[in-house]
Amino acid sequence: RLRRGPQDLPYSSALLVLLAVLSVLTGTINGRELFG
């Protein structure tokens, strides 16, 4: 909603890894039909 900025997010490697894993998993689930 543009009420916060990325600079307000904590500097956390664990959070970055968690979000990367979630991103790949959700993208894989959503794209499995498209990519066969």
All heavy atoms as atom14 arrays in JSON, in Angstrom:
{
  "sequence": "RLRRGPQDLPYSSALLVLLAVLSVLTGTINGRELFG",
  "atom14_mask": [
    [1, 1, 1, 1, 1, 1, 1, 1, 1, 1, 1, 0, 0, 0],
    [1, 1, 1, 1, 1, 1, 1, 1, 0, 0, 0, 0, 0, 0],
    [1, 1, 1, 1, 1, 1, 1, 1, 1, 1, 1, 0, 0, 0],
    [1, 1, 1, 1, 1, 1, 1, 1, 1, 1, 1, 0, 0, 0],
    [1, 1, 1, 1, 0, 0, 0, 0, 0, 0, 0, 0, 0, 0],
    [1, 1, 1, 1, 1, 1, 1, 0, 0, 0, 0, 0, 0, 0],
    [1, 1, 1, 1, 1, 1, 1, 1, 1, 0, 0, 0, 0, 0],
    [1, 1, 1, 1, 1, 1, 1, 1, 0, 0, 0, 0, 0, 0],
    [1, 1, 1, 1, 1, 1, 1, 1, 0, 0, 0, 0, 0, 0],
    [1, 1, 1, 1, 1, 1, 1, 0, 0, 0, 0, 0, 0, 0],
    [1, 1, 1, 1, 1, 1, 1, 1, 1, 1, 1, 1, 0, 0],
    [1, 1, 1, 1, 1, 1, 0, 0, 0, 0, 0, 0, 0, 0],
    [1, 1, 1, 1, 1, 1, 0, 0, 0, 0, 0, 0, 0, 0],
    [1, 1, 1, 1, 1, 0, 0, 0, 0, 0, 0, 0, 0, 0],
    [1, 1, 1, 1, 1, 1, 1, 1, 0, 0, 0, 0, 0, 0],
    [1, 1, 1, 1, 1, 1, 1, 1, 0, 0, 0, 0, 0, 0],
    [1, 1, 1, 1, 1, 1, 1, 0, 0, 0, 0, 0, 0, 0],
    [1, 1, 1, 1, 1, 1, 1, 1, 0, 0, 0, 0, 0, 0],
    [1, 1, 1, 1, 1, 1, 1, 1, 0, 0, 0, 0, 0, 0],
    [1, 1, 1, 1, 1, 0, 0, 0, 0, 0, 0, 0, 0, 0],
    [1, 1, 1, 1, 1, 1, 1, 0, 0, 0, 0, 0, 0, 0],
    [1, 1, 1, 1, 1, 1, 1, 1, 0, 0, 0, 0, 0, 0],
    [1, 1, 1, 1, 1, 1, 0, 0, 0, 0, 0, 0, 0, 0],
    [1, 1, 1, 1, 1, 1, 1, 0, 0, 0, 0, 0, 0, 0],
    [1, 1, 1, 1, 1, 1, 1, 1, 0, 0, 0, 0, 0, 0],
    [1, 1, 1, 1, 1, 1, 1, 0, 0, 0, 0, 0, 0, 0],
    [1, 1, 1, 1, 0, 0, 0, 0, 0, 0, 0, 0, 0, 0],
    [1, 1, 1, 1, 1, 1, 1, 0, 0, 0, 0, 0, 0, 0],
    [1, 1, 1, 1, 1, 1, 1, 1, 0, 0, 0, 0, 0, 0],
    [1, 1, 1, 1, 1, 1, 1, 1, 0, 0, 0, 0, 0, 0],
    [1, 1, 1, 1, 0, 0, 0, 0, 0, 0, 0, 0, 0, 0],
    [1, 1, 1, 1, 1, 1, 1, 1, 1, 1, 1, 0, 0, 0],
    [1, 1, 1, 1, 1, 1, 1, 1, 1, 0, 0, 0, 0, 0],
    [1, 1, 1, 1, 1, 1, 1, 1, 0, 0, 0, 0, 0, 0],
    [1, 1, 1, 1, 1, 1, 1, 1, 1, 1, 1, 0, 0, 0],
    [1, 1, 1, 1, 0, 0, 0, 0, 0, 0, 0, 0, 0, 0]
  ],
  "atom14_positions": [
    [[0.81, -1.22, 0.0], [0.0, 0.0, 0.0], [0.85, 1.27, 0.0], [0.32, 2.37, 0.09], [-0.89, 0.02, 1.23], [-1.96, -1.02, 1.22], [-2.64, -1.0, 2.56], [-3.99, -1.48, 2.48], [-4.77, -1.62, 3.53], [-4.32, -1.3, 4.73], [-5.97, -2.08, 3.39], [0.0, 0.0, 0.0], [0.0, 0.0, 0.0], [0.0, 0.0, 0.0]],
    [[2.16, 1.1, -0.06], [3.13, 2.21, -0.06], [3.1, 3.02, 1.23], [3.4, 4.2, 1.24], [2.93, 3.12, -1.28], [3.06, 2.45, -2.65], [2.77, 3.46, -3.75], [4.43, 1.83, -2.82], [0.0, 0.0, 0.0], [0.0, 0.0, 0.0], [0.0, 0.0, 0.0], [0.0, 0.0, 0.0], [0.0, 0.0, 0.0], [0.0, 0.0, 0.0]],
    [[2.76, 2.36, 2.32], [2.77, 3.01, 3.63], [4.07, 2.76, 4.38], [4.34, 3.41, 5.38], [1.6, 2.52, 4.47], [0.26, 2.93, 3.9], [-0.86, 2.49, 4.75], [-2.12, 2.96, 4.18], [-3.28, 2.51, 4.54], [-3.37, 1.59, 5.48], [-4.38, 2.98, 3.98], [0.0, 0.0, 0.0], [0.0, 0.0, 0.0], [0.0, 0.0, 0.0]],
    [[4.83, 1.78, 3.93], [6.13, 1.46, 4.52], [7.11, 1.31, 3.38], [6.73, 1.15, 2.22], [6.09, 0.14, 5.31], [5.04, -0.01, 6.37], [5.36, 0.57, 7.74], [6.55, 0.14, 8.4], [6.61, -0.78, 9.34], [5.55, -1.43, 9.71], [7.76, -1.04, 9.92], [0.0, 0.0, 0.0], [0.0, 0.0, 0.0], [0.0, 0.0, 0.0]],
    [[8.39, 1.33, 3.7], [9.42, 1.17, 2.69], [10.32, -0.01, 3.0], [10.32, -0.51, 4.13], [0.0, 0.0, 0.0], [0.0, 0.0, 0.0], [0.0, 0.0, 0.0], [0.0, 0.0, 0.0], [0.0, 0.0, 0.0], [0.0, 0.0, 0.0], [0.0, 0.0, 0.0], [0.0, 0.0, 0.0], [0.0, 0.0, 0.0], [0.0, 0.0, 0.0]],
    [[11.11, -0.47, 2.03], [12.02, -1.6, 2.27], [13.01, -1.32, 3.39], [13.46, -2.24, 4.06], [12.74, -1.77, 0.94], [11.97, -1.03, -0.06], [11.18, 0.0, 0.66], [0.0, 0.0, 0.0], [0.0, 0.0, 0.0], [0.0, 0.0, 0.0], [0.0, 0.0, 0.0], [0.0, 0.0, 0.0], [0.0, 0.0, 0.0], [0.0, 0.0, 0.0]],
    [[13.36, -0.06, 3.59], [14.32, 0.28, 4.64], [13.76, 0.0, 6.04], [14.52, -0.09, 6.99], [14.75, 1.74, 4.53], [13.67, 2.75, 4.83], [12.81, 3.11, 3.64], [12.85, 2.45, 2.6], [12.01, 4.16, 3.79], [0.0, 0.0, 0.0], [0.0, 0.0, 0.0], [0.0, 0.0, 0.0], [0.0, 0.0, 0.0], [0.0, 0.0, 0.0]],
    [[12.44, -0.17, 6.17], [11.83, -0.48, 7.46], [11.9, -1.97, 7.8], [11.59, -2.36, 8.91], [10.36, -0.05, 7.46], [10.21, 1.44, 7.25], [11.11, 2.19, 7.68], [9.2, 1.86, 6.66], [0.0, 0.0, 0.0], [0.0, 0.0, 0.0], [0.0, 0.0, 0.0], [0.0, 0.0, 0.0], [0.0, 0.0, 0.0], [0.0, 0.0, 0.0]],
    [[12.29, -2.78, 6.83], [12.41, -4.22, 7.04], [13.71, -4.53, 7.76], [14.73, -3.9, 7.48], [12.4, -4.92, 5.67], [12.01, -6.37, 5.58], [10.63, -6.61, 6.14], [12.04, -6.82, 4.13], [0.0, 0.0, 0.0], [0.0, 0.0, 0.0], [0.0, 0.0, 0.0], [0.0, 0.0, 0.0], [0.0, 0.0, 0.0], [0.0, 0.0, 0.0]],
    [[13.7, -5.47, 8.7], [14.96, -5.79, 9.4], [15.99, -6.41, 8.46], [15.64, -7.11, 7.51], [14.53, -6.78, 10.48], [13.21, -7.29, 10.08], [12.58, -6.27, 9.18], [0.0, 0.0, 0.0], [0.0, 0.0, 0.0], [0.0, 0.0, 0.0], [0.0, 0.0, 0.0], [0.0, 0.0, 0.0], [0.0, 0.0, 0.0], [0.0, 0.0, 0.0]],
    [[17.24, -6.15, 8.73], [18.35, -6.73, 7.97], [18.54, -8.15, 8.48], [19.16, -8.36, 9.51], [19.61, -5.88, 8.18], [20.74, -6.23, 7.26], [20.86, -5.62, 6.03], [21.7, -7.17, 7.63], [21.9, -5.93, 5.17], [22.73, -7.49, 6.78], [22.83, -6.86, 5.57], [23.87, -7.18, 4.73], [0.0, 0.0, 0.0], [0.0, 0.0, 0.0]],
    [[17.99, -9.14, 7.77], [18.0, -10.51, 8.25], [18.24, -11.48, 7.1], [17.44, -11.56, 6.16], [16.65, -10.82, 8.91], [16.53, -12.19, 9.18], [0.0, 0.0, 0.0], [0.0, 0.0, 0.0], [0.0, 0.0, 0.0], [0.0, 0.0, 0.0], [0.0, 0.0, 0.0], [0.0, 0.0, 0.0], [0.0, 0.0, 0.0], [0.0, 0.0, 0.0]],
    [[19.34, -12.22, 7.21], [19.64, -13.24, 6.19], [18.62, -14.38, 6.24], [18.23, -14.92, 5.2], [21.04, -13.81, 6.41], [22.0, -12.8, 6.28], [0.0, 0.0, 0.0], [0.0, 0.0, 0.0], [0.0, 0.0, 0.0], [0.0, 0.0, 0.0], [0.0, 0.0, 0.0], [0.0, 0.0, 0.0], [0.0, 0.0, 0.0], [0.0, 0.0, 0.0]],
    [[18.19, -14.73, 7.44], [17.22, -15.82, 7.59], [15.9, -15.45, 6.91], [15.27, -16.3, 6.26], [17.0, -16.13, 9.07], [0.0, 0.0, 0.0], [0.0, 0.0, 0.0], [0.0, 0.0, 0.0], [0.0, 0.0, 0.0], [0.0, 0.0, 0.0], [0.0, 0.0, 0.0], [0.0, 0.0, 0.0], [0.0, 0.0, 0.0], [0.0, 0.0, 0.0]],
    [[15.47, -14.21, 7.05], [14.24, -13.77, 6.41], [14.38, -13.8, 4.89], [13.47, -14.24, 4.19], [13.87, -12.36, 6.88], [12.62, -11.75, 6.28], [11.39, -12.59, 6.61], [12.45, -10.32, 6.75], [0.0, 0.0, 0.0], [0.0, 0.0, 0.0], [0.0, 0.0, 0.0], [0.0, 0.0, 0.0], [0.0, 0.0, 0.0], [0.0, 0.0, 0.0]],
    [[15.52, -13.37, 4.38], [15.75, -13.38, 2.94], [15.71, -14.82, 2.39], [15.07, -15.08, 1.38], [17.09, -12.73, 2.6], [17.47, -12.7, 1.12], [16.45, -11.92, 0.31], [18.85, -12.11, 0.95], [0.0, 0.0, 0.0], [0.0, 0.0, 0.0], [0.0, 0.0, 0.0], [0.0, 0.0, 0.0], [0.0, 0.0, 0.0], [0.0, 0.0, 0.0]],
    [[16.34, -15.74, 3.08], [16.33, -17.14, 2.64], [14.91, -17.71, 2.7], [14.46, -18.38, 1.76], [17.31, -17.98, 3.49], [17.13, -19.46, 3.23], [18.75, -17.56, 3.21], [0.0, 0.0, 0.0], [0.0, 0.0, 0.0], [0.0, 0.0, 0.0], [0.0, 0.0, 0.0], [0.0, 0.0, 0.0], [0.0, 0.0, 0.0], [0.0, 0.0, 0.0]],
    [[14.19, -17.43, 3.79], [12.82, -17.92, 3.92], [11.95, -17.39, 2.78], [11.19, -18.15, 2.17], [12.24, -17.5, 5.27], [10.76, -17.8, 5.48], [10.52, -19.3, 5.54], [10.25, -17.11, 6.72], [0.0, 0.0, 0.0], [0.0, 0.0, 0.0], [0.0, 0.0, 0.0], [0.0, 0.0, 0.0], [0.0, 0.0, 0.0], [0.0, 0.0, 0.0]],
    [[12.05, -16.11, 2.49], [11.25, -15.53, 1.42], [11.65, -16.05, 0.05], [10.81, -16.23, -0.83], [11.34, -14.01, 1.46], [10.65, -13.36, 2.67], [11.0, -11.89, 2.75], [9.15, -13.56, 2.61], [0.0, 0.0, 0.0], [0.0, 0.0, 0.0], [0.0, 0.0, 0.0], [0.0, 0.0, 0.0], [0.0, 0.0, 0.0], [0.0, 0.0, 0.0]],
    [[12.94, -16.32, -0.16], [13.39, -16.89, -1.43], [12.81, -18.3, -1.62], [12.34, -18.64, -2.71], [14.92, -16.93, -1.48], [0.0, 0.0, 0.0], [0.0, 0.0, 0.0], [0.0, 0.0, 0.0], [0.0, 0.0, 0.0], [0.0, 0.0, 0.0], [0.0, 0.0, 0.0], [0.0, 0.0, 0.0], [0.0, 0.0, 0.0], [0.0, 0.0, 0.0]],
    [[12.83, -19.09, -0.56], [12.27, -20.45, -0.64], [10.77, -20.38, -0.9], [10.24, -21.1, -1.76], [12.58, -21.24, 0.66], [11.78, -22.52, 0.74], [14.07, -21.53, 0.75], [0.0, 0.0, 0.0], [0.0, 0.0, 0.0], [0.0, 0.0, 0.0], [0.0, 0.0, 0.0], [0.0, 0.0, 0.0], [0.0, 0.0, 0.0], [0.0, 0.0, 0.0]],
    [[10.07, -19.52, -0.17], [8.63, -19.37, -0.38], [8.32, -18.87, -1.79], [7.35, -19.32, -2.42], [8.03, -18.41, 0.65], [7.9, -18.94, 2.07], [7.42, -17.84, 2.99], [6.96, -20.13, 2.11], [0.0, 0.0, 0.0], [0.0, 0.0, 0.0], [0.0, 0.0, 0.0], [0.0, 0.0, 0.0], [0.0, 0.0, 0.0], [0.0, 0.0, 0.0]],
    [[9.13, -17.98, -2.3], [8.94, -17.46, -3.65], [9.07, -18.56, -4.7], [8.24, -18.68, -5.61], [9.94, -16.35, -3.93], [9.84, -15.88, -5.24], [0.0, 0.0, 0.0], [0.0, 0.0, 0.0], [0.0, 0.0, 0.0], [0.0, 0.0, 0.0], [0.0, 0.0, 0.0], [0.0, 0.0, 0.0], [0.0, 0.0, 0.0], [0.0, 0.0, 0.0]],
    [[10.11, -19.37, -4.56], [10.32, -20.46, -5.52], [9.2, -21.5, -5.39], [8.69, -21.99, -6.4], [11.71, -21.1, -5.33], [11.84, -22.38, -6.13], [12.8, -20.12, -5.74], [0.0, 0.0, 0.0], [0.0, 0.0, 0.0], [0.0, 0.0, 0.0], [0.0, 0.0, 0.0], [0.0, 0.0, 0.0], [0.0, 0.0, 0.0], [0.0, 0.0, 0.0]],
    [[8.8, -21.82, -4.17], [7.74, -22.81, -3.99], [6.4, -22.34, -4.55], [5.73, -23.09, -5.26], [7.58, -23.14, -2.5], [8.66, -24.01, -1.89], [8.42, -24.21, -0.4], [8.74, -25.36, -2.58], [0.0, 0.0, 0.0], [0.0, 0.0, 0.0], [0.0, 0.0, 0.0], [0.0, 0.0, 0.0], [0.0, 0.0, 0.0], [0.0, 0.0, 0.0]],
    [[6.02, -21.1, -4.26], [4.74, -20.61, -4.8], [4.8, -20.47, -6.31], [3.84, -20.77, -7.0], [4.34, -19.27, -4.15], [5.38, -18.32, -4.35], [4.02, -19.42, -2.7], [0.0, 0.0, 0.0], [0.0, 0.0, 0.0], [0.0, 0.0, 0.0], [0.0, 0.0, 0.0], [0.0, 0.0, 0.0], [0.0, 0.0, 0.0], [0.0, 0.0, 0.0]],
    [[5.93, -20.04, -6.83], [6.09, -19.93, -8.28], [6.04, -21.29, -8.96], [5.47, -21.43, -10.04], [0.0, 0.0, 0.0], [0.0, 0.0, 0.0], [0.0, 0.0, 0.0], [0.0, 0.0, 0.0], [0.0, 0.0, 0.0], [0.0, 0.0, 0.0], [0.0, 0.0, 0.0], [0.0, 0.0, 0.0], [0.0, 0.0, 0.0], [0.0, 0.0, 0.0]],
    [[6.61, -22.29, -8.32], [6.58, -23.64, -8.87], [5.17, -24.2, -8.87], [4.72, -24.79, -9.87], [7.52, -24.57, -8.06], [8.85, -24.05, -8.14], [7.49, -25.99, -8.6], [0.0, 0.0, 0.0], [0.0, 0.0, 0.0], [0.0, 0.0, 0.0], [0.0, 0.0, 0.0], [0.0, 0.0, 0.0], [0.0, 0.0, 0.0], [0.0, 0.0, 0.0]],
    [[4.46, -24.0, -7.78], [3.08, -24.5, -7.7], [2.2, -23.79, -8.73], [1.42, -24.44, -9.43], [2.53, -24.3, -6.27], [3.24, -25.25, -5.31], [1.02, -24.53, -6.23], [3.0, -24.95, -3.85], [0.0, 0.0, 0.0], [0.0, 0.0, 0.0], [0.0, 0.0, 0.0], [0.0, 0.0, 0.0], [0.0, 0.0, 0.0], [0.0, 0.0, 0.0]],
    [[2.36, -22.49, -8.84], [1.53, -21.74, -9.8], [1.92, -21.99, -11.26], [1.08, -21.87, -12.15], [1.61, -20.24, -9.52], [0.9, -19.87, -8.24], [-0.04, -20.54, -7.84], [1.37, -18.81, -7.61], [0.0, 0.0, 0.0], [0.0, 0.0, 0.0], [0.0, 0.0, 0.0], [0.0, 0.0, 0.0], [0.0, 0.0, 0.0], [0.0, 0.0, 0.0]],
    [[3.17, -22.34, -11.52], [3.64, -22.48, -12.89], [3.74, -23.9, -13.41], [4.17, -24.11, -14.54], [0.0, 0.0, 0.0], [0.0, 0.0, 0.0], [0.0, 0.0, 0.0], [0.0, 0.0, 0.0], [0.0, 0.0, 0.0], [0.0, 0.0, 0.0], [0.0, 0.0, 0.0], [0.0, 0.0, 0.0], [0.0, 0.0, 0.0], [0.0, 0.0, 0.0]],
    [[3.34, -24.87, -12.61], [3.52, -26.27, -13.05], [2.71, -26.6, -14.3], [3.16, -27.38, -15.13], [3.25, -27.23, -11.91], [1.84, -27.29, -11.47], [1.64, -28.32, -10.36], [0.25, -28.39, -10.03], [-0.29, -27.9, -8.94], [0.48, -27.32, -8.05], [-1.58, -27.99, -8.73], [0.0, 0.0, 0.0], [0.0, 0.0, 0.0], [0.0, 0.0, 0.0]],
    [[1.54, -26.02, -14.46], [0.74, -26.28, -15.66], [1.34, -25.56, -16.87], [1.39, -26.1, -17.96], [-0.71, -25.81, -15.45], [-1.46, -26.61, -14.42], [-1.66, -28.06, -14.81], [-1.9, -28.32, -16.0], [-1.56, -28.92, -13.91], [0.0, 0.0, 0.0], [0.0, 0.0, 0.0], [0.0, 0.0, 0.0], [0.0, 0.0, 0.0], [0.0, 0.0, 0.0]],
    [[1.8, -24.35, -16.65], [2.37, -23.55, -17.73], [3.64, -24.18, -18.28], [3.86, -24.21, -19.5], [2.67, -22.13, -17.23], [3.33, -21.19, -18.21], [2.38, -20.85, -19.35], [3.76, -19.91, -17.49], [0.0, 0.0, 0.0], [0.0, 0.0, 0.0], [0.0, 0.0, 0.0], [0.0, 0.0, 0.0], [0.0, 0.0, 0.0], [0.0, 0.0, 0.0]],
    [[4.48, -24.7, -17.39], [5.77, -25.28, -17.8], [5.71, -26.78, -18.06], [6.71, -27.38, -18.42], [6.84, -24.96, -16.76], [7.22, -23.52, -16.73], [6.73, -22.69, -15.73], [8.04, -22.98, -17.69], [7.07, -21.35, -15.69], [8.39, -21.64, -17.67], [7.89, -20.82, -16.67], [0.0, 0.0, 0.0], [0.0, 0.0, 0.0], [0.0, 0.0, 0.0]],
    [[4.57, -27.4, -17.85], [4.41, -28.81, -18.17], [4.94, -29.76, -17.11], [5.34, -30.87, -17.43], [0.0, 0.0, 0.0], [0.0, 0.0, 0.0], [0.0, 0.0, 0.0], [0.0, 0.0, 0.0], [0.0, 0.0, 0.0], [0.0, 0.0, 0.0], [0.0, 0.0, 0.0], [0.0, 0.0, 0.0], [0.0, 0.0, 0.0], [0.0, 0.0, 0.0]]
  ]
}
